[in-house]
Amino acid sequence: MKTCRLIAGLAALMLTPALPAQQPGEMPVPTKVMIVGTMHFANPGLDYRNLAVDDVLAPKRQREITAIVQALSRFSPTAIGVEWRDDAASAAYAKYKNGALPPSRDETVQLGFALAKLSKIDAVHGLGMPADLPFELAVAFAQAHGKQAIIDRVTAVSDKNVAAQEKSLKTKGIAATLRLLNDPVAANDTHSLYRELLKLGAGDDQPGLEATATWYRRNLGICAKLMQAIKPGDHMIVFIGAGHLTLMQQCVRETPGFSLIDARDYLPH
């Protein structure tokens, strides 16, 4: 009986809108969130397949980045979220504002910090949630159980995506590549590969499930930090690796009071 009452109480809470009190007839203040999926400018080599980015500190690339930052500023952001841990982001941004941060090729600095400073934002929110994806166990299972074709498909799609991104970067520039990365249909096609990993397992041995669950948990953690950082009425831009785009957009769409803004509506052509 206690369990039933607890479930009923939780259900009642879930049905109660968690919105700020408003005067009769007053419209809710919209909270807008833009997720900008990016490639890794500094080539850290942390993904399954990695896009090689030339020196973004070169004058040509700096002009492109400046144009991107100025275009995004039209959204009038009041908050910036980045993929770094909060303490690291806060300390580095404080130095950046004072001109004391050494030159950095990282997209957090080049895009997130630059836009925050241009928008006169006092601090950035570090939303990073590092996690070790146990992908190797899924690969080992595939090799041992005649399911290498699943890993080959993941590799082929990843290689195809990286090739398209490298071509875009070389021929069209950073903004065009960001527009490519922020196509939600293409991003979801790539994200669906995690469903393929779920096929790798049998009985209680579920390495594909473990890899996928770790990825989902990481993104849920980033979503939680976003919701804890944002305030009603904010215009928040989150800069994050493009692989997170599908789940982070889902986070925003499914959160009451949030409005998802398509980054492509602001990125320059």
Protein backbone atom coordinates (compact mmCIF):
# COMPACT_ATOMS: atom_id res chain seq x y z
CA MET A 1 0.00 0.00 0.00
CA LYS A 2 2.82 2.39 0.83
CA THR A 3 4.34 1.67 -2.56
CA CYS A 4 1.03 2.42 -4.29
CA ARG A 5 0.65 5.72 -2.44
CA LEU A 6 4.24 6.66 -3.32
CA ILE A 7 3.68 5.95 -7.01
CA ALA A 8 0.41 7.91 -6.96
CA GLY A 9 2.15 10.84 -5.28
CA LEU A 10 4.95 10.83 -7.84
CA ALA A 11 2.41 10.68 -10.66
CA ALA A 12 0.62 13.71 -9.24
CA LEU A 13 3.90 15.62 -9.06
CA MET A 14 4.76 14.70 -12.64
CA LEU A 15 1.40 16.01 -13.80
CA THR A 16 1.92 19.34 -12.04
CA PRO A 17 3.70 21.83 -14.36
CA ALA A 18 6.96 23.04 -12.86
CA LEU A 19 6.57 26.60 -14.12
CA PRO A 20 7.08 29.87 -12.24
CA ALA A 21 4.00 31.53 -10.76
CA GLN A 22 2.38 34.00 -13.17
CA GLN A 23 -0.22 36.66 -12.97
CA PRO A 24 -3.64 35.94 -14.50
CA GLY A 25 -3.51 36.41 -18.26
CA GLU A 26 0.30 36.62 -18.30
CA MET A 27 2.03 34.51 -20.97
CA PRO A 28 4.92 32.23 -19.89
CA VAL A 29 8.38 33.59 -20.60
CA PRO A 30 9.87 31.25 -23.23
CA THR A 31 13.12 29.50 -22.38
CA LYS A 32 14.97 28.91 -25.64
CA VAL A 33 17.81 26.43 -26.09
CA MET A 34 20.01 26.00 -29.14
CA ILE A 35 22.26 22.95 -29.41
CA VAL A 36 25.25 23.55 -31.70
CA GLY A 37 26.88 20.25 -32.61
CA THR A 38 30.55 20.77 -33.46
CA MET A 39 33.58 18.89 -34.66
CA HIS A 40 36.61 18.91 -32.38
CA PHE A 41 38.80 21.79 -33.56
CA ALA A 42 41.91 20.69 -31.65
CA ASN A 43 42.07 17.12 -33.03
CA PRO A 44 42.08 15.27 -29.68
CA GLY A 45 41.33 11.94 -31.39
CA LEU A 46 38.74 10.89 -28.81
CA ASP A 47 36.00 9.61 -31.15
CA TYR A 48 35.65 6.27 -32.93
CA ARG A 49 36.47 8.03 -36.19
CA ASN A 50 37.96 11.53 -36.10
CA LEU A 51 37.79 14.48 -38.48
CA ALA A 52 41.19 16.05 -39.15
CA VAL A 53 40.83 19.81 -38.72
CA ASP A 54 43.53 22.17 -39.99
CA ASP A 55 44.87 24.97 -37.79
CA VAL A 56 41.89 27.05 -36.68
CA LEU A 57 44.28 29.71 -35.39
CA ALA A 58 45.28 30.49 -38.99
CA PRO A 59 43.98 33.88 -40.21
CA LYS A 60 41.54 32.39 -42.73
CA ARG A 61 39.93 30.12 -40.14
CA GLN A 62 39.85 32.92 -37.57
CA ARG A 63 37.84 35.07 -39.98
CA GLU A 64 35.41 32.19 -40.47
CA ILE A 65 35.05 31.64 -36.73
CA THR A 66 34.49 35.35 -36.10
CA ALA A 67 31.68 35.34 -38.67
CA ILE A 68 30.09 32.29 -36.99
CA VAL A 69 30.26 33.86 -33.53
CA GLN A 70 28.76 37.12 -34.79
CA ALA A 71 25.96 35.23 -36.56
CA LEU A 72 25.11 33.22 -33.44
CA SER A 73 25.04 36.42 -31.39
CA ARG A 74 21.81 37.35 -33.25
CA PHE A 75 20.12 34.81 -30.97
CA SER A 76 20.93 37.19 -28.08
CA PRO A 77 22.22 34.43 -25.79
CA THR A 78 22.00 34.95 -22.04
CA ALA A 79 23.74 31.68 -21.14
CA ILE A 80 26.40 29.48 -22.74
CA GLY A 81 26.95 25.79 -22.07
CA VAL A 82 30.09 23.89 -23.10
CA GLU A 83 31.30 20.29 -22.98
CA TRP A 84 34.01 20.93 -20.39
CA ARG A 85 33.68 20.22 -16.68
CA ASP A 86 32.23 23.16 -14.79
CA ASP A 87 35.30 24.01 -12.71
CA ALA A 88 37.61 23.88 -15.74
CA ALA A 89 35.22 25.95 -17.87
CA SER A 90 34.74 28.59 -15.17
CA ALA A 91 38.46 28.99 -14.49
CA ALA A 92 39.44 29.10 -18.17
CA TYR A 93 36.68 31.55 -19.12
CA ALA A 94 37.70 33.91 -16.32
CA LYS A 95 41.21 33.96 -17.78
CA TYR A 96 39.85 34.32 -21.31
CA LYS A 97 37.83 37.42 -20.41
CA ASN A 98 40.97 38.99 -18.94
CA GLY A 99 43.16 38.07 -21.91
CA ALA A 100 45.21 35.71 -19.76
CA LEU A 101 44.27 32.38 -21.38
CA PRO A 102 46.95 31.02 -23.72
CA PRO A 103 45.89 30.54 -27.35
CA SER A 104 43.69 27.47 -27.72
CA ARG A 105 42.33 25.64 -30.74
CA ASP A 106 39.55 24.00 -28.72
CA GLU A 107 36.04 24.68 -29.98
CA THR A 108 34.95 25.52 -26.43
CA VAL A 109 37.31 28.49 -26.47
CA GLN A 110 36.96 29.42 -30.13
CA LEU A 111 33.16 29.34 -30.16
CA GLY A 112 31.78 29.14 -26.63
CA PHE A 113 34.10 31.56 -24.85
CA ALA A 114 34.20 33.97 -27.79
CA LEU A 115 30.41 34.16 -27.99
CA ALA A 116 30.03 34.49 -24.22
CA LYS A 117 32.46 37.41 -24.13
CA LEU A 118 30.84 39.10 -27.14
CA SER A 119 27.44 38.71 -25.45
CA LYS A 120 28.81 40.10 -22.15
CA ILE A 121 27.98 36.90 -20.26
CA ASP A 122 29.75 36.71 -16.90
CA ALA A 123 30.27 32.95 -16.70
CA VAL A 124 29.83 29.84 -18.85
CA HIS A 125 28.28 26.58 -17.69
CA GLY A 126 30.43 23.47 -17.93
CA LEU A 127 28.07 20.62 -18.80
CA GLY A 128 30.71 17.98 -19.46
CA MET A 129 30.08 14.43 -18.27
CA PRO A 130 33.06 12.27 -19.30
CA ALA A 131 32.53 8.52 -19.55
CA ASP A 132 34.50 5.59 -20.91
CA LEU A 133 32.40 3.86 -23.55
CA PRO A 134 33.09 0.08 -23.33
CA PHE A 135 32.98 -0.30 -27.11
CA GLU A 136 35.89 -2.77 -27.19
CA LEU A 137 33.79 -5.41 -25.40
CA ALA A 138 31.08 -5.10 -28.05
CA VAL A 139 33.72 -5.47 -30.79
CA ALA A 140 35.17 -8.55 -29.10
CA PHE A 141 31.70 -10.13 -28.83
CA ALA A 142 31.03 -9.46 -32.52
CA GLN A 143 34.32 -11.07 -33.53
CA ALA A 144 33.71 -14.12 -31.35
CA HIS A 145 30.09 -14.69 -32.45
CA GLY A 146 30.17 -14.11 -36.20
CA LYS A 147 28.63 -10.63 -36.04
CA GLN A 148 31.52 -8.62 -37.41
CA ALA A 149 29.17 -7.22 -40.06
CA ILE A 150 27.56 -5.01 -37.38
CA ILE A 151 30.91 -3.44 -36.45
CA ASP A 152 31.79 -3.11 -40.14
CA ARG A 153 28.56 -1.15 -40.71
CA VAL A 154 29.31 1.18 -37.80
CA THR A 155 32.81 1.73 -39.19
CA ALA A 156 31.60 2.27 -42.76
CA VAL A 157 28.98 4.85 -41.77
CA SER A 158 31.46 6.64 -39.50
CA ASP A 159 34.11 6.75 -42.22
CA LYS A 160 31.56 8.03 -44.76
CA ASN A 161 30.49 10.81 -42.39
CA VAL A 162 34.07 11.88 -41.67
CA ALA A 163 34.90 11.93 -45.39
CA ALA A 164 31.89 14.18 -46.09
CA GLN A 165 32.87 16.50 -43.23
CA GLU A 166 36.50 16.71 -44.39
CA LYS A 167 35.38 17.55 -47.92
CA SER A 168 33.02 20.23 -46.61
CA LEU A 169 35.71 21.73 -44.39
CA LYS A 170 38.24 21.89 -47.24
CA THR A 171 35.90 23.21 -49.92
CA LYS A 172 33.24 25.21 -48.06
CA GLY A 173 34.66 26.11 -44.65
CA ILE A 174 33.79 25.78 -40.98
CA ALA A 175 30.28 27.25 -41.11
CA ALA A 176 29.16 24.89 -43.87
CA THR A 177 30.59 21.94 -41.95
CA LEU A 178 28.72 22.98 -38.82
CA ARG A 179 25.52 23.20 -40.86
CA LEU A 180 26.19 19.66 -42.10
CA LEU A 181 26.79 18.41 -38.56
CA ASN A 182 23.59 20.04 -37.30
CA ASP A 183 21.26 18.39 -39.80
CA PRO A 184 18.98 16.48 -37.37
CA VAL A 185 18.01 13.84 -39.95
CA ALA A 186 21.62 12.95 -40.70
CA ALA A 187 22.50 13.09 -37.01
CA ASN A 188 19.68 10.69 -36.16
CA ASP A 189 20.82 8.26 -38.86
CA THR A 190 24.22 8.15 -37.20
CA HIS A 191 22.72 7.92 -33.73
CA SER A 192 20.69 4.88 -34.83
CA LEU A 193 23.93 2.90 -34.97
CA TYR A 194 23.61 2.51 -31.20
CA ARG A 195 20.54 0.39 -31.92
CA GLU A 196 22.78 -1.84 -34.02
CA LEU A 197 25.04 -2.35 -31.01
CA LEU A 198 22.09 -3.74 -29.04
CA LYS A 199 22.25 -6.79 -31.31
CA LEU A 200 25.61 -7.68 -29.78
CA GLY A 201 24.80 -9.85 -26.80
CA ALA A 202 23.20 -13.04 -25.60
CA GLY A 203 21.64 -13.98 -22.28
CA ASP A 204 23.31 -12.14 -19.44
CA ASP A 205 26.30 -11.16 -21.60
CA GLN A 206 25.22 -7.82 -23.09
CA PRO A 207 28.25 -5.77 -24.18
CA GLY A 208 26.25 -3.87 -26.81
CA LEU A 209 23.72 -2.88 -24.19
CA GLU A 210 26.48 -1.74 -21.83
CA ALA A 211 28.06 0.47 -24.50
CA THR A 212 24.72 1.99 -25.48
CA ALA A 213 23.57 2.46 -21.88
CA THR A 214 26.85 4.22 -21.03
CA TRP A 215 26.32 6.61 -23.94
CA TYR A 216 22.73 7.33 -22.90
CA ARG A 217 23.73 7.84 -19.27
CA ARG A 218 26.41 10.33 -20.29
CA ASN A 219 23.92 12.34 -22.32
CA LEU A 220 21.33 12.20 -19.55
CA GLY A 221 23.98 13.63 -17.22
CA ILE A 222 24.64 16.49 -19.64
CA CYS A 223 20.87 17.04 -19.92
CA ALA A 224 20.59 17.16 -16.12
CA LYS A 225 23.37 19.74 -15.85
CA LEU A 226 21.72 21.83 -18.56
CA MET A 227 18.39 21.85 -16.71
CA GLN A 228 20.13 22.73 -13.45
CA ALA A 229 22.02 25.63 -15.04
CA ILE A 230 19.30 27.30 -17.09
CA LYS A 231 16.82 29.87 -15.79
CA PRO A 232 13.29 30.59 -17.03
CA GLY A 233 13.45 33.01 -19.94
CA ASP A 234 17.09 32.27 -20.79
CA HIS A 235 18.38 32.07 -24.33
CA MET A 236 21.01 29.35 -23.96
CA ILE A 237 23.43 28.04 -26.57
CA VAL A 238 25.16 24.73 -25.89
CA PHE A 239 28.33 23.86 -27.83
CA ILE A 240 28.89 20.12 -27.83
CA GLY A 241 30.34 17.34 -29.97
CA ALA A 242 27.97 16.64 -32.87
CA GLY A 243 27.55 13.01 -31.83
CA HIS A 244 25.47 14.25 -28.89
CA LEU A 245 23.06 16.25 -31.08
CA THR A 246 20.17 13.76 -31.27
CA LEU A 247 19.97 13.05 -27.55
CA MET A 248 20.55 16.66 -26.51
CA GLN A 249 17.82 17.89 -28.85
CA GLN A 250 15.56 15.21 -27.38
CA CYS A 251 16.44 16.52 -23.91
CA VAL A 252 15.28 20.02 -24.87
CA ARG A 253 12.17 18.95 -26.79
CA GLU A 254 10.93 16.79 -23.90
CA THR A 255 11.53 19.37 -21.15
CA PRO A 256 8.41 21.40 -20.26
CA GLY A 257 8.91 25.12 -20.79
CA PHE A 258 11.86 24.68 -23.20
CA SER A 259 11.79 25.66 -26.86
CA LEU A 260 14.35 24.02 -29.18
CA ILE A 261 16.02 26.39 -31.65
CA ASP A 262 17.62 25.01 -34.81
CA ALA A 263 21.23 26.18 -35.00
CA ARG A 264 21.05 26.19 -38.80
CA ASP A 265 18.67 29.15 -38.60
CA TYR A 266 21.59 31.22 -37.25
CA LEU A 267 24.74 29.65 -38.68
CA PRO A 268 26.04 31.58 -41.71
CA HIS A 269 25.74 30.06 -45.18
